[in-house]
N, C-alpha and C. Protein backbone atom coordinates (compact mmCIF):
# COMPACT_ATOMS: atom_id res chain seq x y z
N MET A 1 7.97 14.51 11.88
CA MET A 1 7.04 13.65 11.55
C MET A 1 6.01 13.44 12.79
N LEU A 2 4.51 13.55 12.31
CA LEU A 2 3.78 13.57 13.57
C LEU A 2 3.12 12.18 13.70
N ILE A 3 3.27 11.80 14.71
CA ILE A 3 2.56 10.35 15.14
C ILE A 3 1.17 10.48 15.61
N ILE A 4 0.32 9.67 14.71
CA ILE A 4 -1.18 9.85 15.01
C ILE A 4 -1.71 8.45 15.43
N SER A 5 -2.52 8.38 16.56
CA SER A 5 -3.27 7.12 16.82
C SER A 5 -4.51 7.19 16.06
N LYS A 6 -5.27 6.01 16.12
CA LYS A 6 -6.55 6.02 15.31
C LYS A 6 -7.44 6.84 15.76
N THR A 7 -7.52 7.10 17.28
CA THR A 7 -8.49 8.08 17.90
C THR A 7 -8.22 9.47 17.33
N GLU A 8 -7.11 9.79 17.29
CA GLU A 8 -6.76 11.10 16.73
C GLU A 8 -7.21 11.27 15.29
N PHE A 9 -6.79 10.23 14.62
CA PHE A 9 -7.22 10.32 13.04
C PHE A 9 -8.73 10.41 13.03
N ASN A 10 -9.46 9.68 13.84
CA ASN A 10 -11.00 9.78 13.74
C ASN A 10 -11.48 11.22 14.21
N LYS A 11 -10.78 11.91 15.08
CA LYS A 11 -11.22 13.24 15.44
C LYS A 11 -10.99 14.16 14.45
N LYS A 12 -9.79 14.05 13.53
CA LYS A 12 -9.53 15.09 12.66
C LYS A 12 -9.31 14.65 11.24
N TYR A 13 -10.15 13.54 11.08
CA TYR A 13 -9.89 12.88 9.62
C TYR A 13 -10.05 13.57 8.40
N LYS A 14 -10.91 14.46 8.58
CA LYS A 14 -11.34 15.37 7.37
C LYS A 14 -9.89 16.26 6.96
N ARG A 15 -9.14 16.91 7.96
CA ARG A 15 -8.15 17.69 7.55
C ARG A 15 -6.77 16.70 7.13
N ILE A 16 -6.80 15.48 8.05
CA ILE A 16 -5.82 14.67 7.67
C ILE A 16 -5.92 14.05 6.30
N ILE A 17 -7.03 13.69 5.91
CA ILE A 17 -7.29 13.02 4.61
C ILE A 17 -6.80 13.83 3.37
N GLU A 18 -7.14 15.16 3.65
CA GLU A 18 -6.71 16.14 2.52
C GLU A 18 -5.28 16.20 2.49
N GLU A 19 -4.69 16.19 3.54
CA GLU A 19 -3.18 16.38 3.70
C GLU A 19 -2.49 15.15 3.34
N MET A 20 -3.08 14.05 3.51
CA MET A 20 -2.43 12.76 3.02
C MET A 20 -2.37 12.65 1.44
N LYS A 21 -3.13 13.38 0.83
CA LYS A 21 -3.20 13.36 -0.73
C LYS A 21 -1.79 13.97 -1.31
N ASN A 22 -1.04 14.65 -0.24
CA ASN A 22 0.28 15.60 -0.78
C ASN A 22 1.33 15.19 0.14
N CYS A 23 1.32 13.90 0.85
CA CYS A 23 2.53 13.67 1.76
C CYS A 23 2.74 12.09 1.74
N ILE A 24 3.87 11.66 2.57
CA ILE A 24 4.27 10.40 2.66
C ILE A 24 3.99 9.99 4.05
N PHE A 25 3.63 8.84 4.44
CA PHE A 25 3.21 8.37 5.74
C PHE A 25 3.46 7.00 5.92
N ILE A 26 3.61 6.61 7.24
CA ILE A 26 3.77 5.23 7.76
C ILE A 26 2.23 4.99 8.17
N HIS A 27 1.76 3.74 7.65
CA HIS A 27 0.57 3.31 7.90
C HIS A 27 0.48 1.81 8.31
N PRO A 28 -0.51 1.47 9.18
CA PRO A 28 -0.69 0.12 9.71
C PRO A 28 -1.53 -0.64 8.68
N THR A 29 -1.56 -1.98 8.74
CA THR A 29 -2.43 -2.80 7.90
C THR A 29 -2.74 -4.01 8.75
N ASP A 30 -3.41 -4.94 8.36
CA ASP A 30 -3.66 -6.28 8.99
C ASP A 30 -2.35 -7.01 9.04
N THR A 31 -1.41 -6.89 8.43
CA THR A 31 -0.30 -7.65 8.48
C THR A 31 1.06 -6.84 9.29
N ILE A 32 1.51 -5.87 8.45
CA ILE A 32 2.66 -4.96 9.11
C ILE A 32 2.45 -3.51 8.85
N TYR A 33 3.27 -2.73 9.23
CA TYR A 33 3.46 -1.30 8.87
C TYR A 33 4.03 -1.21 7.37
N GLY A 34 3.44 -0.06 6.89
CA GLY A 34 3.84 0.03 5.53
C GLY A 34 4.22 1.45 5.40
N ILE A 35 4.81 1.99 4.37
CA ILE A 35 5.13 3.27 4.00
C ILE A 35 4.32 3.70 2.80
N GLY A 36 3.66 4.75 2.63
CA GLY A 36 2.78 4.84 1.57
C GLY A 36 2.63 6.55 1.25
N CYS A 37 1.86 6.69 -0.02
CA CYS A 37 1.52 7.98 -0.52
C CYS A 37 0.53 7.68 -1.61
N ASP A 38 -0.04 8.79 -1.91
CA ASP A 38 -0.96 8.64 -3.14
C ASP A 38 -0.26 8.21 -4.43
N ALA A 39 -0.76 7.04 -4.76
CA ALA A 39 -0.14 6.26 -5.95
C ALA A 39 -0.23 6.74 -7.26
N THR A 40 -0.88 7.97 -7.31
CA THR A 40 -0.81 8.65 -8.69
C THR A 40 0.07 9.75 -8.50
N ASN A 41 0.95 10.13 -7.63
CA ASN A 41 1.74 11.18 -7.30
C ASN A 41 3.04 10.74 -7.60
N LYS A 42 3.47 10.84 -8.89
CA LYS A 42 4.81 10.53 -9.26
C LYS A 42 5.88 10.97 -8.54
N GLU A 43 6.00 12.22 -8.06
CA GLU A 43 7.13 12.62 -7.24
C GLU A 43 7.24 12.07 -6.04
N LEU A 44 6.05 11.92 -5.18
CA LEU A 44 6.01 11.19 -3.78
C LEU A 44 6.40 9.67 -4.07
N VAL A 45 6.06 8.99 -5.06
CA VAL A 45 6.43 7.67 -5.20
C VAL A 45 7.91 7.55 -5.39
N GLU A 46 8.51 8.51 -6.11
CA GLU A 46 9.97 8.57 -6.38
C GLU A 46 10.78 8.87 -4.89
N LYS A 47 10.16 9.71 -4.13
CA LYS A 47 10.83 9.76 -2.89
C LYS A 47 10.81 8.43 -2.13
N ILE A 48 9.81 7.70 -2.05
CA ILE A 48 9.82 6.58 -1.35
C ILE A 48 10.77 5.57 -1.95
N ARG A 49 10.97 5.53 -3.30
CA ARG A 49 11.83 4.62 -4.08
C ARG A 49 13.16 4.94 -3.58
N ILE A 50 13.63 6.10 -3.44
CA ILE A 50 14.94 6.60 -3.07
C ILE A 50 15.28 6.18 -1.62
N ALA A 51 14.35 6.65 -0.82
CA ALA A 51 14.57 6.25 0.64
C ALA A 51 14.55 4.66 0.95
N LYS A 52 13.87 3.95 0.08
CA LYS A 52 13.70 2.50 0.43
C LYS A 52 14.95 1.98 -0.24
N LYS A 53 15.78 2.66 -1.16
CA LYS A 53 16.72 2.11 -1.85
C LYS A 53 16.23 1.04 -2.88
N ARG A 54 15.08 1.13 -3.64
CA ARG A 54 14.42 0.17 -4.45
C ARG A 54 13.93 0.87 -5.62
N PRO A 55 15.06 1.16 -6.51
CA PRO A 55 14.97 1.94 -7.81
C PRO A 55 13.80 1.32 -8.77
N THR A 56 13.69 0.07 -8.92
CA THR A 56 12.83 -0.47 -9.91
C THR A 56 11.92 -1.39 -9.58
N ASP A 57 11.89 -2.12 -8.58
CA ASP A 57 10.89 -3.16 -8.26
C ASP A 57 9.55 -2.61 -8.08
N PRO A 58 8.45 -3.25 -8.62
CA PRO A 58 7.26 -2.72 -8.51
C PRO A 58 6.72 -2.46 -7.01
N PHE A 59 5.82 -1.49 -6.66
CA PHE A 59 5.20 -1.27 -5.51
C PHE A 59 3.76 -1.80 -5.46
N SER A 60 3.20 -2.19 -4.37
CA SER A 60 1.80 -2.56 -4.36
C SER A 60 1.16 -1.39 -3.93
N VAL A 61 -0.34 -1.46 -3.99
CA VAL A 61 -1.34 -0.36 -3.61
C VAL A 61 -2.57 -0.99 -2.72
N ILE A 62 -2.85 -0.06 -1.90
CA ILE A 62 -4.01 -0.35 -1.24
C ILE A 62 -5.14 0.33 -2.06
N ALA A 63 -6.06 -0.46 -2.80
CA ALA A 63 -7.17 0.14 -3.54
C ALA A 63 -8.12 0.81 -2.63
N PRO A 64 -8.49 1.92 -3.16
CA PRO A 64 -9.71 2.62 -2.53
C PRO A 64 -11.06 1.91 -2.41
N SER A 65 -11.15 0.85 -3.17
CA SER A 65 -12.42 0.16 -3.31
C SER A 65 -12.43 -1.05 -4.12
N ARG A 66 -13.30 -1.91 -4.05
CA ARG A 66 -13.41 -3.14 -5.05
C ARG A 66 -13.87 -2.57 -6.27
N GLU A 67 -14.66 -1.53 -6.12
CA GLU A 67 -15.28 -0.89 -7.57
C GLU A 67 -13.78 -0.32 -8.31
N TRP A 68 -13.12 0.31 -7.60
CA TRP A 68 -11.67 0.80 -8.28
C TRP A 68 -10.98 -0.48 -9.00
N ILE A 69 -10.84 -1.67 -8.16
CA ILE A 69 -10.24 -2.63 -8.75
C ILE A 69 -10.82 -3.23 -10.16
N ILE A 70 -12.34 -3.47 -9.92
CA ILE A 70 -13.12 -3.79 -11.18
C ILE A 70 -12.93 -2.86 -12.49
N GLU A 71 -12.76 -1.40 -11.96
CA GLU A 71 -12.83 -0.58 -13.13
C GLU A 71 -11.32 -0.54 -13.78
N ASN A 72 -10.32 -0.77 -12.97
CA ASN A 72 -8.94 -0.80 -13.46
C ASN A 72 -8.15 -1.83 -13.95
N ALA A 73 -8.73 -3.03 -13.43
CA ALA A 73 -8.11 -4.32 -13.72
C ALA A 73 -8.90 -5.16 -14.74
N VAL A 74 -7.94 -6.12 -15.16
CA VAL A 74 -8.76 -6.93 -16.18
C VAL A 74 -9.28 -8.16 -15.19
N MET A 75 -10.72 -8.18 -15.43
CA MET A 75 -11.37 -9.28 -14.70
C MET A 75 -11.57 -10.66 -15.44
N ASN A 76 -11.49 -11.53 -14.61
CA ASN A 76 -11.81 -12.88 -15.12
C ASN A 76 -12.21 -13.62 -13.94
N LYS A 77 -12.46 -14.93 -14.20
CA LYS A 77 -13.18 -15.81 -13.07
C LYS A 77 -12.17 -15.94 -11.93
N LYS A 78 -10.87 -16.25 -12.16
CA LYS A 78 -10.06 -16.34 -10.95
C LYS A 78 -9.74 -15.15 -10.29
N THR A 79 -9.80 -13.95 -11.00
CA THR A 79 -9.60 -12.70 -10.34
C THR A 79 -10.85 -12.21 -9.58
N GLU A 80 -12.13 -12.56 -10.01
CA GLU A 80 -13.27 -12.39 -9.22
C GLU A 80 -13.37 -13.35 -8.00
N GLU A 81 -12.87 -14.55 -8.18
CA GLU A 81 -12.76 -15.37 -6.75
C GLU A 81 -11.86 -14.94 -5.85
N TRP A 82 -10.75 -14.32 -6.17
CA TRP A 82 -9.79 -13.79 -5.12
C TRP A 82 -10.31 -12.61 -4.65
N LEU A 83 -10.85 -11.76 -5.60
CA LEU A 83 -11.36 -10.43 -5.11
C LEU A 83 -12.45 -10.45 -4.00
N ASN A 84 -13.25 -11.56 -4.21
CA ASN A 84 -14.20 -11.90 -3.01
C ASN A 84 -13.67 -12.33 -1.83
N LYS A 85 -12.29 -12.55 -1.77
CA LYS A 85 -11.68 -13.03 -0.49
C LYS A 85 -11.24 -11.62 0.20
N LEU A 86 -11.26 -10.56 -0.41
CA LEU A 86 -10.89 -9.25 0.13
C LEU A 86 -11.94 -8.71 0.85
N PRO A 87 -11.71 -7.93 1.87
CA PRO A 87 -10.40 -7.65 2.67
C PRO A 87 -9.79 -8.82 3.16
N GLY A 88 -8.41 -8.63 3.08
CA GLY A 88 -7.52 -9.84 3.87
C GLY A 88 -6.27 -9.73 3.50
N PRO A 89 -5.38 -10.63 4.13
CA PRO A 89 -3.89 -10.54 4.01
C PRO A 89 -3.31 -11.00 2.87
N TYR A 90 -3.85 -10.46 1.57
CA TYR A 90 -3.33 -10.98 0.48
C TYR A 90 -2.95 -9.70 -0.44
N THR A 91 -2.09 -9.87 -1.19
CA THR A 91 -1.74 -8.81 -2.49
C THR A 91 -1.90 -9.62 -3.50
N LEU A 92 -2.96 -9.18 -4.48
CA LEU A 92 -3.28 -9.77 -5.67
C LEU A 92 -2.59 -9.12 -6.93
N ILE A 93 -1.69 -9.99 -7.54
CA ILE A 93 -1.05 -9.38 -8.66
C ILE A 93 -2.10 -9.77 -10.00
N ILE A 94 -2.49 -8.47 -10.58
CA ILE A 94 -3.66 -8.44 -11.38
C ILE A 94 -3.02 -7.70 -12.50
N LYS A 95 -3.69 -8.11 -13.65
CA LYS A 95 -3.18 -7.20 -14.99
C LYS A 95 -4.00 -5.95 -14.93
N LEU A 96 -3.50 -4.99 -15.28
CA LEU A 96 -4.20 -3.61 -15.26
C LEU A 96 -4.78 -3.40 -16.78
N LYS A 97 -5.88 -2.93 -16.78
CA LYS A 97 -6.50 -2.55 -18.09
C LYS A 97 -6.38 -0.94 -18.31
N ASN A 98 -6.12 -0.37 -17.10
CA ASN A 98 -5.95 1.09 -17.21
C ASN A 98 -4.54 1.47 -16.52
N LYS A 99 -3.66 1.61 -17.25
CA LYS A 99 -2.05 1.73 -16.86
C LYS A 99 -2.11 3.14 -16.07
N ASN A 100 -3.16 4.03 -16.47
CA ASN A 100 -3.01 5.45 -16.11
C ASN A 100 -3.73 5.50 -14.59
N ALA A 101 -3.99 4.23 -14.03
CA ALA A 101 -4.68 4.15 -12.77
C ALA A 101 -3.54 4.53 -11.70
N VAL A 102 -2.38 4.35 -11.92
CA VAL A 102 -1.31 4.76 -10.96
C VAL A 102 -0.15 5.38 -11.67
N ALA A 103 0.65 6.06 -11.03
CA ALA A 103 1.86 6.71 -11.51
C ALA A 103 2.76 5.67 -12.38
N GLU A 104 3.30 5.84 -13.24
CA GLU A 104 4.14 4.94 -14.26
C GLU A 104 5.28 4.53 -13.19
N ASN A 105 5.73 5.13 -12.21
CA ASN A 105 6.85 4.73 -11.53
C ASN A 105 6.47 3.68 -10.30
N VAL A 106 5.31 3.50 -10.17
CA VAL A 106 4.58 2.38 -9.09
C VAL A 106 5.19 0.98 -9.73
N ASN A 107 4.80 0.94 -10.93
CA ASN A 107 5.11 -0.67 -11.49
C ASN A 107 5.84 -0.48 -12.86
N PRO A 108 6.99 0.23 -12.72
CA PRO A 108 7.65 0.51 -14.03
C PRO A 108 7.86 -0.59 -14.98
N GLY A 109 7.26 -0.33 -16.16
CA GLY A 109 7.40 -1.22 -17.44
C GLY A 109 6.48 -2.40 -17.32
N MET A 110 5.69 -2.44 -16.27
CA MET A 110 4.88 -3.75 -16.17
C MET A 110 3.46 -3.33 -16.43
N ASP A 111 2.72 -4.47 -16.75
CA ASP A 111 1.28 -4.14 -17.00
C ASP A 111 0.42 -4.92 -15.92
N THR A 112 1.05 -5.26 -14.92
CA THR A 112 0.34 -5.87 -13.75
C THR A 112 0.67 -4.92 -12.44
N LEU A 113 -0.22 -5.12 -11.49
CA LEU A 113 -0.06 -4.36 -10.31
C LEU A 113 -0.38 -5.10 -9.05
N GLY A 114 0.24 -5.09 -8.08
CA GLY A 114 -0.10 -5.64 -6.83
C GLY A 114 -1.20 -4.87 -6.12
N ILE A 115 -2.37 -5.50 -5.81
CA ILE A 115 -3.34 -4.76 -5.14
C ILE A 115 -3.87 -5.39 -3.94
N ARG A 116 -4.12 -4.59 -2.69
CA ARG A 116 -4.53 -5.04 -1.60
C ARG A 116 -5.73 -4.34 -1.04
N ILE A 117 -6.57 -4.98 -0.08
CA ILE A 117 -7.48 -4.21 0.53
C ILE A 117 -7.28 -5.03 1.93
N PRO A 118 -6.47 -4.31 2.78
CA PRO A 118 -6.39 -4.92 4.13
C PRO A 118 -7.70 -4.95 5.09
N ASP A 119 -7.67 -6.07 5.82
CA ASP A 119 -8.81 -6.04 6.66
C ASP A 119 -8.29 -5.08 7.87
N HIS A 120 -8.38 -3.95 7.77
CA HIS A 120 -7.96 -2.92 8.83
C HIS A 120 -8.53 -1.77 8.61
N TRP A 121 -8.84 -0.86 9.69
CA TRP A 121 -9.42 0.50 9.58
C TRP A 121 -8.85 1.35 8.78
N PHE A 122 -7.60 1.12 8.35
CA PHE A 122 -6.71 2.06 7.45
C PHE A 122 -7.42 2.03 6.07
N SER A 123 -7.98 0.84 5.63
CA SER A 123 -8.58 0.73 4.33
C SER A 123 -9.65 1.75 4.10
N GLU A 124 -10.27 2.13 5.36
CA GLU A 124 -11.44 3.04 5.14
C GLU A 124 -10.99 4.44 4.99
N ALA A 125 -9.64 4.83 5.49
CA ALA A 125 -8.94 6.06 5.38
C ALA A 125 -8.73 6.20 3.88
N VAL A 126 -8.16 4.91 3.21
CA VAL A 126 -7.81 5.00 1.80
C VAL A 126 -9.14 5.30 0.96
N GLU A 127 -10.22 4.72 1.37
CA GLU A 127 -11.36 4.71 0.65
C GLU A 127 -11.90 6.28 0.78
N LYS A 128 -11.68 6.87 1.61
CA LYS A 128 -11.93 8.39 1.82
C LYS A 128 -11.04 9.15 1.06
N ILE A 129 -9.70 8.75 0.99
CA ILE A 129 -8.71 9.55 -0.08
C ILE A 129 -9.43 9.55 -1.35
N GLY A 130 -9.86 8.37 -1.87
CA GLY A 130 -10.51 8.19 -3.16
C GLY A 130 -9.54 7.80 -4.14
N VAL A 131 -8.12 7.53 -3.85
CA VAL A 131 -7.22 7.01 -4.76
C VAL A 131 -6.41 5.91 -4.14
N PRO A 132 -5.73 5.15 -5.15
CA PRO A 132 -4.84 3.98 -4.58
C PRO A 132 -3.72 4.77 -3.61
N VAL A 133 -3.06 3.90 -2.70
CA VAL A 133 -2.07 4.49 -1.87
C VAL A 133 -0.96 3.48 -1.93
N ILE A 134 0.15 3.70 -2.25
CA ILE A 134 1.40 2.70 -2.08
C ILE A 134 1.30 1.95 -0.78
N THR A 135 1.72 0.90 -0.90
CA THR A 135 1.92 -0.07 0.38
C THR A 135 3.10 -0.88 0.22
N THR A 136 4.21 -0.48 0.85
CA THR A 136 5.35 -1.23 0.84
C THR A 136 5.94 -1.17 2.34
N SER A 137 6.56 -2.32 2.69
CA SER A 137 7.12 -2.43 4.04
C SER A 137 7.93 -1.29 4.43
N ALA A 138 7.80 -0.82 5.65
CA ALA A 138 8.61 0.47 6.17
C ALA A 138 9.80 0.16 6.59
N ASN A 139 10.74 -0.11 5.60
CA ASN A 139 12.14 -0.54 5.71
C ASN A 139 12.86 -0.26 4.53
N PRO A 140 14.09 0.07 4.61
CA PRO A 140 14.88 0.01 3.38
C PRO A 140 15.07 -1.30 2.76
N SER A 141 15.07 -1.52 1.65
CA SER A 141 15.22 -2.82 0.87
C SER A 141 16.27 -3.62 1.55
N GLY A 142 15.82 -4.77 1.92
CA GLY A 142 16.81 -5.84 2.46
C GLY A 142 16.91 -5.83 3.93
N GLU A 143 16.53 -4.81 4.57
CA GLU A 143 16.35 -4.66 6.01
C GLU A 143 15.19 -5.21 6.77
N GLU A 144 15.36 -5.31 8.03
CA GLU A 144 14.04 -5.68 8.71
C GLU A 144 12.96 -4.69 8.49
N PHE A 145 11.83 -5.21 8.60
CA PHE A 145 10.53 -4.08 8.43
C PHE A 145 10.27 -3.81 9.86
N MET A 146 9.48 -2.67 9.85
CA MET A 146 9.15 -1.91 11.21
C MET A 146 8.23 -2.77 11.99
N VAL A 147 8.56 -2.83 13.16
CA VAL A 147 7.82 -3.45 14.01
C VAL A 147 7.16 -2.54 15.13
N GLU A 148 7.86 -1.55 15.55
CA GLU A 148 7.51 -0.53 16.57
C GLU A 148 8.03 0.83 15.87
N ILE A 149 7.57 1.97 16.17
CA ILE A 149 7.91 3.13 15.89
C ILE A 149 9.53 3.47 16.08
N GLU A 150 10.08 2.84 17.06
CA GLU A 150 11.40 3.17 17.26
C GLU A 150 12.42 2.32 16.24
N ASP A 151 11.67 1.22 15.59
CA ASP A 151 12.52 0.59 14.46
C ASP A 151 12.45 1.43 13.06
N LEU A 152 11.69 2.35 12.95
CA LEU A 152 11.76 3.13 11.77
C LEU A 152 13.21 3.69 11.45
N HIS A 153 13.49 3.40 10.26
CA HIS A 153 14.79 3.67 9.66
C HIS A 153 14.71 5.19 9.36
N LYS A 154 15.94 5.88 9.85
CA LYS A 154 16.07 7.37 9.73
C LYS A 154 15.72 8.01 8.25
N ASP A 155 16.24 7.03 7.24
CA ASP A 155 15.86 7.49 5.92
C ASP A 155 14.40 7.57 5.58
N LEU A 156 13.73 6.67 6.09
CA LEU A 156 12.18 6.82 5.92
C LEU A 156 11.59 7.85 6.91
N MET A 157 12.07 8.00 8.14
CA MET A 157 11.66 8.90 8.97
C MET A 157 11.71 10.33 8.65
N ASP A 158 12.84 10.47 7.76
CA ASP A 158 13.13 11.82 7.21
C ASP A 158 12.03 12.29 5.98
N ILE A 159 11.35 11.45 5.41
CA ILE A 159 10.61 11.69 4.44
C ILE A 159 9.19 11.86 4.82
N CYS A 160 8.82 11.15 5.87
CA CYS A 160 7.48 11.09 6.28
C CYS A 160 6.82 12.22 7.12
N ASP A 161 5.63 12.60 6.69
CA ASP A 161 4.87 13.65 7.44
C ASP A 161 4.04 12.97 8.54
N TYR A 162 3.54 11.83 8.28
CA TYR A 162 2.66 11.23 9.45
C TYR A 162 3.28 9.77 9.74
N ALA A 163 2.87 9.52 10.78
CA ALA A 163 2.85 7.96 11.15
C ALA A 163 1.74 7.66 11.95
N PHE A 164 0.97 6.64 11.23
CA PHE A 164 -0.27 6.31 11.90
C PHE A 164 0.02 4.94 12.68
N TYR A 165 0.09 5.25 13.83
CA TYR A 165 0.64 4.21 14.82
C TYR A 165 -0.30 3.59 15.74
N GLU A 166 -0.32 2.36 15.83
CA GLU A 166 -1.16 1.64 16.96
C GLU A 166 -0.42 0.68 17.82
N GLY A 167 0.88 0.86 18.01
CA GLY A 167 1.61 0.02 18.82
C GLY A 167 2.34 -1.22 17.97
N PRO A 168 2.97 -1.91 18.64
CA PRO A 168 3.89 -3.11 18.01
C PRO A 168 2.96 -3.95 17.17
N LYS A 169 3.37 -4.29 15.94
CA LYS A 169 2.81 -5.40 15.06
C LYS A 169 3.74 -6.37 14.94
N LYS A 170 3.40 -7.67 15.28
CA LYS A 170 4.09 -8.86 15.11
C LYS A 170 3.87 -9.74 13.93
N GLY A 171 3.12 -9.02 12.89
CA GLY A 171 2.67 -9.97 11.69
C GLY A 171 3.70 -10.02 10.73
N ARG A 172 3.29 -10.76 9.53
CA ARG A 172 4.13 -11.03 8.52
C ARG A 172 3.65 -10.31 7.31
N PRO A 173 4.52 -9.94 6.25
CA PRO A 173 3.80 -9.43 5.09
C PRO A 173 2.89 -10.30 4.45
N SER A 174 2.06 -9.74 3.65
CA SER A 174 0.84 -10.35 3.02
C SER A 174 1.26 -11.36 2.15
N ASP A 175 0.53 -12.22 1.79
CA ASP A 175 0.72 -13.35 1.06
C ASP A 175 0.63 -12.85 -0.49
N ILE A 176 1.44 -13.14 -1.30
CA ILE A 176 1.41 -12.70 -2.89
C ILE A 176 0.58 -13.71 -3.51
N ILE A 177 -0.41 -13.32 -4.33
CA ILE A 177 -1.14 -14.20 -5.12
C ILE A 177 -1.01 -13.71 -6.50
N ASN A 178 -0.23 -14.57 -7.51
CA ASN A 178 0.00 -14.13 -8.66
C ASN A 178 -1.12 -14.55 -9.44
N LEU A 179 -2.04 -13.79 -9.94
CA LEU A 179 -3.18 -14.21 -10.67
C LEU A 179 -2.87 -14.27 -12.33
N GLU A 180 -1.61 -13.74 -12.59
CA GLU A 180 -1.12 -13.91 -13.97
C GLU A 180 -0.53 -15.11 -14.56
N LYS A 181 -0.25 -15.88 -13.58
CA LYS A 181 0.52 -17.24 -13.83
C LYS A 181 -0.65 -18.06 -14.32
N GLU A 182 -0.28 -19.02 -15.48
CA GLU A 182 -1.41 -19.89 -15.77
C GLU A 182 -1.96 -20.82 -14.59
N ASN A 183 -1.16 -21.15 -13.71
CA ASN A 183 -1.49 -21.89 -12.53
C ASN A 183 -1.18 -20.80 -11.37
N ILE A 184 -2.33 -20.49 -10.76
CA ILE A 184 -1.97 -19.28 -9.52
C ILE A 184 -0.88 -19.53 -8.74
N GLU A 185 -0.22 -18.78 -8.76
CA GLU A 185 1.21 -18.88 -7.67
C GLU A 185 1.01 -18.04 -6.37
N ILE A 186 1.18 -18.85 -5.41
CA ILE A 186 0.96 -18.16 -4.12
C ILE A 186 2.41 -18.13 -3.30
N LYS A 187 2.76 -16.91 -2.97
CA LYS A 187 4.01 -16.78 -2.37
C LYS A 187 3.67 -16.33 -0.92
N LYS A 188 3.85 -17.21 -0.03
CA LYS A 188 3.69 -17.03 1.52
C LYS A 188 5.00 -16.35 2.04
N ARG A 189 4.72 -15.20 2.81
CA ARG A 189 5.92 -14.54 3.32
C ARG A 189 5.99 -14.70 4.86
């Protein structure tokens, strides 16, 4: 696993962006570190599922743009209101109108998807990739999430090609805003 700083990413971003389309990586956000891959690549998504020991629970994605969300999600007044709060520390649970927008094993059997646009430089990298990227905490299910690179669990380290690392993160996972409930449900984490 190659550890890359933001500075190194900026110097070599064209090559790294191309490689990110076919690999698994640790990435920073405005909240915590996540593990991710191209969310349209079923095989890579499955590798993350196995390493995290999370066989069926849905994964969230970092959207490549607001336009991608509008194009692929069912939009209504409350969705538009929350979309206007992005980027930010929120995961919006939104009904998909295009179920082919992500691989079927991202959100198995569901017609909703957790969507983020973190207030962080890594969102610009996702925009350059041009596809949604899985974002789930960098830890096996039920274990503590990664705060420093030394905390990365071996099962995750073994499947990662890159770690975009910017030092310790002391945040909490993003708040989950379920827009598919009659009354908006907010789960603070």
